[in-house]
PDB file of all heavy atoms in Angstrom:
ATOM      1  N   CYS A   1      -9.145  -6.654  -7.595  1.00  0.00           N
ATOM      2  CA  CYS A   1      -9.784  -5.335  -7.489  1.00  0.00           C
ATOM      3  C   CYS A   1      -8.752  -4.223  -7.305  1.00  0.00           C
ATOM      4  O   CYS A   1      -8.917  -3.123  -7.834  1.00  0.00           O
ATOM      5  CB  CYS A   1     -10.773  -5.335  -6.323  1.00  0.00           C
ATOM      6  SG  CYS A   1     -12.236  -6.354  -6.623  1.00  0.00           S
ATOM      7  N   LEU A   2      -7.694  -4.498  -6.568  1.00  0.00           N
ATOM      8  CA  LEU A   2      -6.631  -3.499  -6.384  1.00  0.00           C
ATOM      9  C   LEU A   2      -5.970  -3.140  -7.715  1.00  0.00           C
ATOM     10  O   LEU A   2      -5.588  -1.994  -7.942  1.00  0.00           O
ATOM     11  CB  LEU A   2      -5.582  -4.017  -5.406  1.00  0.00           C
ATOM     12  CG  LEU A   2      -5.948  -3.968  -3.926  1.00  0.00           C
ATOM     13  CD1 LEU A   2      -4.905  -4.715  -3.101  1.00  0.00           C
ATOM     14  CD2 LEU A   2      -6.078  -2.529  -3.436  1.00  0.00           C
ATOM     15  N   VAL A   3      -5.852  -4.134  -8.586  1.00  0.00           N
ATOM     16  CA  VAL A   3      -5.221  -3.883  -9.885  1.00  0.00           C
ATOM     17  C   VAL A   3      -6.205  -3.257 -10.873  1.00  0.00           C
ATOM     18  O   VAL A   3      -5.875  -2.302 -11.576  1.00  0.00           O
ATOM     19  CB  VAL A   3      -4.641  -5.191 -10.461  1.00  0.00           C
ATOM     20  CG1 VAL A   3      -4.297  -5.019 -11.934  1.00  0.00           C
ATOM     21  CG2 VAL A   3      -3.391  -5.591  -9.691  1.00  0.00           C
ATOM     22  N   LEU A   4      -7.425  -3.774 -10.916  1.00  0.00           N
ATOM     23  CA  LEU A   4      -8.381  -3.290 -11.914  1.00  0.00           C
ATOM     24  C   LEU A   4      -8.945  -1.918 -11.574  1.00  0.00           C
ATOM     25  O   LEU A   4      -9.124  -1.075 -12.461  1.00  0.00           O
ATOM     26  CB  LEU A   4      -9.527  -4.296 -12.070  1.00  0.00           C
ATOM     27  CG  LEU A   4      -9.162  -5.666 -12.629  1.00  0.00           C
ATOM     28  CD1 LEU A   4     -10.404  -6.547 -12.702  1.00  0.00           C
ATOM     29  CD2 LEU A   4      -8.517  -5.548 -14.006  1.00  0.00           C
ATOM     30  N   ASP A   5      -9.239  -1.683 -10.301  1.00  0.00           N
ATOM     31  CA  ASP A   5      -9.934  -0.452  -9.918  1.00  0.00           C
ATOM     32  C   ASP A   5      -9.282   0.282  -8.750  1.00  0.00           C
ATOM     33  O   ASP A   5      -9.852   1.257  -8.254  1.00  0.00           O
ATOM     34  CB  ASP A   5     -11.390  -0.766  -9.554  1.00  0.00           C
ATOM     35  CG  ASP A   5     -12.148  -1.387 -10.718  1.00  0.00           C
ATOM     36  OD1 ASP A   5     -12.115  -0.807 -11.814  1.00  0.00           O
ATOM     37  OD2 ASP A   5     -12.748  -2.460 -10.533  1.00  0.00           O
ATOM     38  N   GLY A   6      -8.134  -0.162  -8.307  1.00  0.00           N
ATOM     39  CA  GLY A   6      -7.484   0.445  -7.166  1.00  0.00           C
ATOM     40  C   GLY A   6      -6.131   1.042  -7.495  1.00  0.00           C
ATOM     41  O   GLY A   6      -5.747   1.153  -8.667  1.00  0.00           O
ATOM     42  N   PRO A   7      -5.368   1.389  -6.470  1.00  0.00           N
ATOM     43  CA  PRO A   7      -4.092   2.088  -6.684  1.00  0.00           C
ATOM     44  C   PRO A   7      -3.037   1.267  -7.410  1.00  0.00           C
ATOM     45  O   PRO A   7      -2.169   1.836  -8.071  1.00  0.00           O
ATOM     46  CB  PRO A   7      -3.635   2.426  -5.257  1.00  0.00           C
ATOM     47  CG  PRO A   7      -4.366   1.464  -4.376  1.00  0.00           C
ATOM     48  CD  PRO A   7      -5.676   1.232  -5.033  1.00  0.00           C
ATOM     49  N   LEU A   8      -3.111  -0.064  -7.317  1.00  0.00           N
ATOM     50  CA  LEU A   8      -2.105  -0.866  -8.007  1.00  0.00           C
ATOM     51  C   LEU A   8      -2.200  -0.721  -9.524  1.00  0.00           C
ATOM     52  O   LEU A   8      -1.210  -0.888 -10.228  1.00  0.00           O
ATOM     53  CB  LEU A   8      -2.249  -2.345  -7.629  1.00  0.00           C
ATOM     54  CG  LEU A   8      -1.685  -2.768  -6.278  1.00  0.00           C
ATOM     55  CD1 LEU A   8      -1.892  -4.261  -6.059  1.00  0.00           C
ATOM     56  CD2 LEU A   8      -0.209  -2.421  -6.176  1.00  0.00           C
ATOM     57  N   GLY A   9      -3.382  -0.409 -10.009  1.00  0.00           N
ATOM     58  CA  GLY A   9      -3.543  -0.235 -11.447  1.00  0.00           C
ATOM     59  C   GLY A   9      -2.690   0.892 -11.987  1.00  0.00           C
ATOM     60  O   GLY A   9      -2.097   0.790 -13.059  1.00  0.00           O
ATOM     61  N   ALA A  10      -2.620   1.989 -11.207  1.00  0.00           N
ATOM     62  CA  ALA A  10      -1.804   3.130 -11.632  1.00  0.00           C
ATOM     63  C   ALA A  10      -0.322   2.852 -11.452  1.00  0.00           C
ATOM     64  O   ALA A  10       0.507   3.292 -12.252  1.00  0.00           O
ATOM     65  CB  ALA A  10      -2.205   4.372 -10.843  1.00  0.00           C
ATOM     66  N   GLU A  11       0.015   2.111 -10.406  1.00  0.00           N
ATOM     67  CA  GLU A  11       1.421   1.812 -10.134  1.00  0.00           C
ATOM     68  C   GLU A  11       1.982   0.772 -11.094  1.00  0.00           C
ATOM     69  O   GLU A  11       3.201   0.724 -11.319  1.00  0.00           O
ATOM     70  CB  GLU A  11       1.574   1.327  -8.693  1.00  0.00           C
ATOM     71  CG  GLU A  11       1.226   2.384  -7.647  1.00  0.00           C
ATOM     72  CD  GLU A  11       1.208   1.804  -6.246  1.00  0.00           C
ATOM     73  OE1 GLU A  11       1.782   0.707  -6.046  1.00  0.00           O
ATOM     74  OE2 GLU A  11       0.625   2.442  -5.352  1.00  0.00           O
ATOM     75  N   LEU A  12       1.092  -0.059 -11.634  1.00  0.00           N
ATOM     76  CA  LEU A  12       1.512  -1.135 -12.544  1.00  0.00           C
ATOM     77  C   LEU A  12       0.746  -0.959 -13.857  1.00  0.00           C
ATOM     78  O   LEU A  12      -0.256  -1.632 -14.106  1.00  0.00           O
ATOM     79  CB  LEU A  12       1.203  -2.502 -11.925  1.00  0.00           C
ATOM     80  CG  LEU A  12       1.797  -2.762 -10.537  1.00  0.00           C
ATOM     81  CD1 LEU A  12       1.168  -3.997  -9.904  1.00  0.00           C
ATOM     82  CD2 LEU A  12       3.308  -2.933 -10.631  1.00  0.00           C
ATOM     83  N   PRO A  13       1.210  -0.074 -14.737  1.00  0.00           N
ATOM     84  CA  PRO A  13       0.425   0.281 -15.920  1.00  0.00           C
ATOM     85  C   PRO A  13       0.380  -0.780 -17.014  1.00  0.00           C
ATOM     86  O   PRO A  13      -0.515  -0.759 -17.854  1.00  0.00           O
ATOM     87  CB  PRO A  13       1.112   1.556 -16.429  1.00  0.00           C
ATOM     88  CG  PRO A  13       2.520   1.444 -15.936  1.00  0.00           C
ATOM     89  CD  PRO A  13       2.440   0.734 -14.621  1.00  0.00           C
ATOM     90  N   THR A  14       1.349  -1.703 -17.048  1.00  0.00           N
ATOM     91  CA  THR A  14       1.355  -2.703 -18.118  1.00  0.00           C
ATOM     92  C   THR A  14       0.837  -4.041 -17.600  1.00  0.00           C
ATOM     93  O   THR A  14       0.970  -4.364 -16.413  1.00  0.00           O
ATOM     94  CB  THR A  14       2.766  -2.902 -18.685  1.00  0.00           C
ATOM     95  OG1 THR A  14       3.596  -3.534 -17.691  1.00  0.00           O
ATOM     96  CG2 THR A  14       3.385  -1.573 -19.077  1.00  0.00           C
ATOM     97  N   GLU A  15       0.267  -4.820 -18.517  1.00  0.00           N
ATOM     98  CA  GLU A  15      -0.239  -6.135 -18.103  1.00  0.00           C
ATOM     99  C   GLU A  15       0.895  -7.038 -17.633  1.00  0.00           C
ATOM    100  O   GLU A  15       0.726  -7.824 -16.697  1.00  0.00           O
ATOM    101  CB  GLU A  15      -0.995  -6.807 -19.257  1.00  0.00           C
ATOM    102  CG  GLU A  15      -1.600  -8.143 -18.850  1.00  0.00           C
ATOM    103  CD  GLU A  15      -2.565  -8.701 -19.867  1.00  0.00           C
ATOM    104  OE1 GLU A  15      -3.067  -7.930 -20.710  1.00  0.00           O
ATOM    105  OE2 GLU A  15      -2.814  -9.919 -19.818  1.00  0.00           O
ATOM    106  N   GLU A  16       2.048  -6.918 -18.268  1.00  0.00           N
ATOM    107  CA  GLU A  16       3.185  -7.729 -17.857  1.00  0.00           C
ATOM    108  C   GLU A  16       3.573  -7.438 -16.409  1.00  0.00           C
ATOM    109  O   GLU A  16       3.818  -8.358 -15.620  1.00  0.00           O
ATOM    110  CB  GLU A  16       4.375  -7.459 -18.777  1.00  0.00           C
ATOM    111  CG  GLU A  16       5.613  -8.295 -18.449  1.00  0.00           C
ATOM    112  CD  GLU A  16       6.782  -8.001 -19.363  1.00  0.00           C
ATOM    113  OE1 GLU A  16       6.679  -7.060 -20.175  1.00  0.00           O
ATOM    114  OE2 GLU A  16       7.803  -8.705 -19.263  1.00  0.00           O
ATOM    115  N   ALA A  17       3.620  -6.158 -16.049  1.00  0.00           N
ATOM    116  CA  ALA A  17       3.965  -5.774 -14.679  1.00  0.00           C
ATOM    117  C   ALA A  17       2.893  -6.243 -13.710  1.00  0.00           C
ATOM    118  O   ALA A  17       3.205  -6.694 -12.594  1.00  0.00           O
ATOM    119  CB  ALA A  17       4.143  -4.262 -14.587  1.00  0.00           C
ATOM    120  N   ARG A  18       1.646  -6.148 -14.114  1.00  0.00           N
ATOM    121  CA  ARG A  18       0.550  -6.576 -13.242  1.00  0.00           C
ATOM    122  C   ARG A  18       0.601  -8.075 -12.994  1.00  0.00           C
ATOM    123  O   ARG A  18       0.467  -8.531 -11.850  1.00  0.00           O
ATOM    124  CB  ARG A  18      -0.793  -6.186 -13.870  1.00  0.00           C
ATOM    125  CG  ARG A  18      -1.020  -4.690 -13.911  1.00  0.00           C
ATOM    126  CD  ARG A  18      -2.338  -4.322 -14.570  1.00  0.00           C
ATOM    127  NE  ARG A  18      -2.542  -2.884 -14.552  1.00  0.00           N
ATOM    128  CZ  ARG A  18      -3.662  -2.281 -14.939  1.00  0.00           C
ATOM    129  NH1 ARG A  18      -4.688  -3.008 -15.381  1.00  0.00           N
ATOM    130  NH2 ARG A  18      -3.768  -0.963 -14.877  1.00  0.00           N
ATOM    131  N   ARG A  19       0.799  -8.837 -14.043  1.00  0.00           N
ATOM    132  CA  ARG A  19       0.859 -10.287 -13.869  1.00  0.00           C
ATOM    133  C   ARG A  19       2.034 -10.685 -12.979  1.00  0.00           C
ATOM    134  O   ARG A  19       1.898 -11.552 -12.106  1.00  0.00           O
ATOM    135  CB  ARG A  19       0.971 -10.980 -15.231  1.00  0.00           C
ATOM    136  CG  ARG A  19      -0.328 -11.015 -16.023  1.00  0.00           C
ATOM    137  CD  ARG A  19      -0.179 -11.813 -17.302  1.00  0.00           C
ATOM    138  NE  ARG A  19      -1.402 -11.806 -18.071  1.00  0.00           N
ATOM    139  CZ  ARG A  19      -2.405 -12.673 -17.916  1.00  0.00           C
ATOM    140  NH1 ARG A  19      -2.308 -13.635 -17.015  1.00  0.00           N
ATOM    141  NH2 ARG A  19      -3.484 -12.604 -18.681  1.00  0.00           N
ATOM    142  N   ALA A  20       3.179 -10.060 -13.193  1.00  0.00           N
ATOM    143  CA  ALA A  20       4.356 -10.391 -12.393  1.00  0.00           C
ATOM    144  C   ALA A  20       4.108 -10.087 -10.919  1.00  0.00           C
ATOM    145  O   ALA A  20       4.443 -10.890 -10.028  1.00  0.00           O
ATOM    146  CB  ALA A  20       5.571  -9.617 -12.902  1.00  0.00           C
ATOM    147  N   HIS A  21       3.519  -8.927 -10.636  1.00  0.00           N
ATOM    148  CA  HIS A  21       3.238  -8.548  -9.253  1.00  0.00           C
ATOM    149  C   HIS A  21       2.235  -9.499  -8.614  1.00  0.00           C
ATOM    150  O   HIS A  21       2.428  -9.942  -7.468  1.00  0.00           O
ATOM    151  CB  HIS A  21       2.691  -7.119  -9.204  1.00  0.00           C
ATOM    152  CG  HIS A  21       2.352  -6.654  -7.827  1.00  0.00           C
ATOM    153  ND1 HIS A  21       3.282  -6.098  -6.984  1.00  0.00           N
ATOM    154  CD2 HIS A  21       1.179  -6.684  -7.136  1.00  0.00           C
ATOM    155  CE1 HIS A  21       2.716  -5.795  -5.836  1.00  0.00           C
ATOM    156  NE2 HIS A  21       1.434  -6.139  -5.904  1.00  0.00           N
ATOM    157  N   LEU A  22       1.173  -9.807  -9.333  1.00  0.00           N
ATOM    158  CA  LEU A  22       0.135 -10.689  -8.792  1.00  0.00           C
ATOM    159  C   LEU A  22       0.670 -12.085  -8.522  1.00  0.00           C
ATOM    160  O   LEU A  22       0.339 -12.713  -7.508  1.00  0.00           O
ATOM    161  CB  LEU A  22      -1.053 -10.749  -9.749  1.00  0.00           C
ATOM    162  CG  LEU A  22      -1.841  -9.436  -9.901  1.00  0.00           C
ATOM    163  CD1 LEU A  22      -2.920  -9.595 -10.958  1.00  0.00           C
ATOM    164  CD2 LEU A  22      -2.455  -9.012  -8.576  1.00  0.00           C
ATOM    165  N   MET A  23       1.505 -12.586  -9.413  1.00  0.00           N
ATOM    166  CA  MET A  23       2.063 -13.918  -9.208  1.00  0.00           C
ATOM    167  C   MET A  23       3.044 -13.941  -8.032  1.00  0.00           C
ATOM    168  O   MET A  23       3.097 -14.908  -7.275  1.00  0.00           O
ATOM    169  CB  MET A  23       2.736 -14.409 -10.484  1.00  0.00           C
ATOM    170  CG  MET A  23       1.773 -14.708 -11.636  1.00  0.00           C
ATOM    171  SD  MET A  23       0.444 -15.881 -11.196  1.00  0.00           S
ATOM    172  CE  MET A  23      -0.910 -14.760 -10.764  1.00  0.00           C
ATOM    173  N   GLU A  24       3.791 -12.853  -7.856  1.00  0.00           N
ATOM    174  CA  GLU A  24       4.708 -12.784  -6.714  1.00  0.00           C
ATOM    175  C   GLU A  24       3.929 -12.733  -5.402  1.00  0.00           C
ATOM    176  O   GLU A  24       4.262 -13.421  -4.433  1.00  0.00           O
ATOM    177  CB  GLU A  24       5.614 -11.558  -6.832  1.00  0.00           C
ATOM    178  CG  GLU A  24       6.633 -11.458  -5.691  1.00  0.00           C
ATOM    179  CD  GLU A  24       7.532 -10.244  -5.808  1.00  0.00           C
ATOM    180  OE1 GLU A  24       7.404  -9.480  -6.792  1.00  0.00           O
ATOM    181  OE2 GLU A  24       8.376 -10.061  -4.898  1.00  0.00           O
ATOM    182  N   ALA A  25       2.878 -11.909  -5.367  1.00  0.00           N
ATOM    183  CA  ALA A  25       2.047 -11.822  -4.167  1.00  0.00           C
ATOM    184  C   ALA A  25       1.390 -13.161  -3.864  1.00  0.00           C
ATOM    185  O   ALA A  25       1.311 -13.587  -2.697  1.00  0.00           O
ATOM    186  CB  ALA A  25       0.987 -10.741  -4.349  1.00  0.00           C
ATOM    187  N   SER A  26       0.948 -13.861  -4.896  1.00  0.00           N
ATOM    188  CA  SER A  26       0.296 -15.159  -4.708  1.00  0.00           C
ATOM    189  C   SER A  26       1.284 -16.211  -4.236  1.00  0.00           C
ATOM    190  O   SER A  26       0.933 -17.098  -3.451  1.00  0.00           O
ATOM    191  CB  SER A  26      -0.368 -15.610  -6.011  1.00  0.00           C
ATOM    192  OG  SER A  26      -1.389 -14.708  -6.374  1.00  0.00           O
ATOM    193  N   ALA A  27       2.519 -16.116  -4.677  1.00  0.00           N
ATOM    194  CA  ALA A  27       3.547 -17.047  -4.213  1.00  0.00           C
ATOM    195  C   ALA A  27       3.812 -16.848  -2.728  1.00  0.00           C
ATOM    196  O   ALA A  27       3.963 -17.822  -1.965  1.00  0.00           O
ATOM    197  CB  ALA A  27       4.829 -16.851  -5.018  1.00  0.00           C
TER     198      ALA A  27
END
């Protein structure tokens, strides 16, 4: 939700950046 509809979406505009961030947070 933070990525799709929250502030992280604006901070991470590309799908590649979003996936990398999400995988790092999940790790």
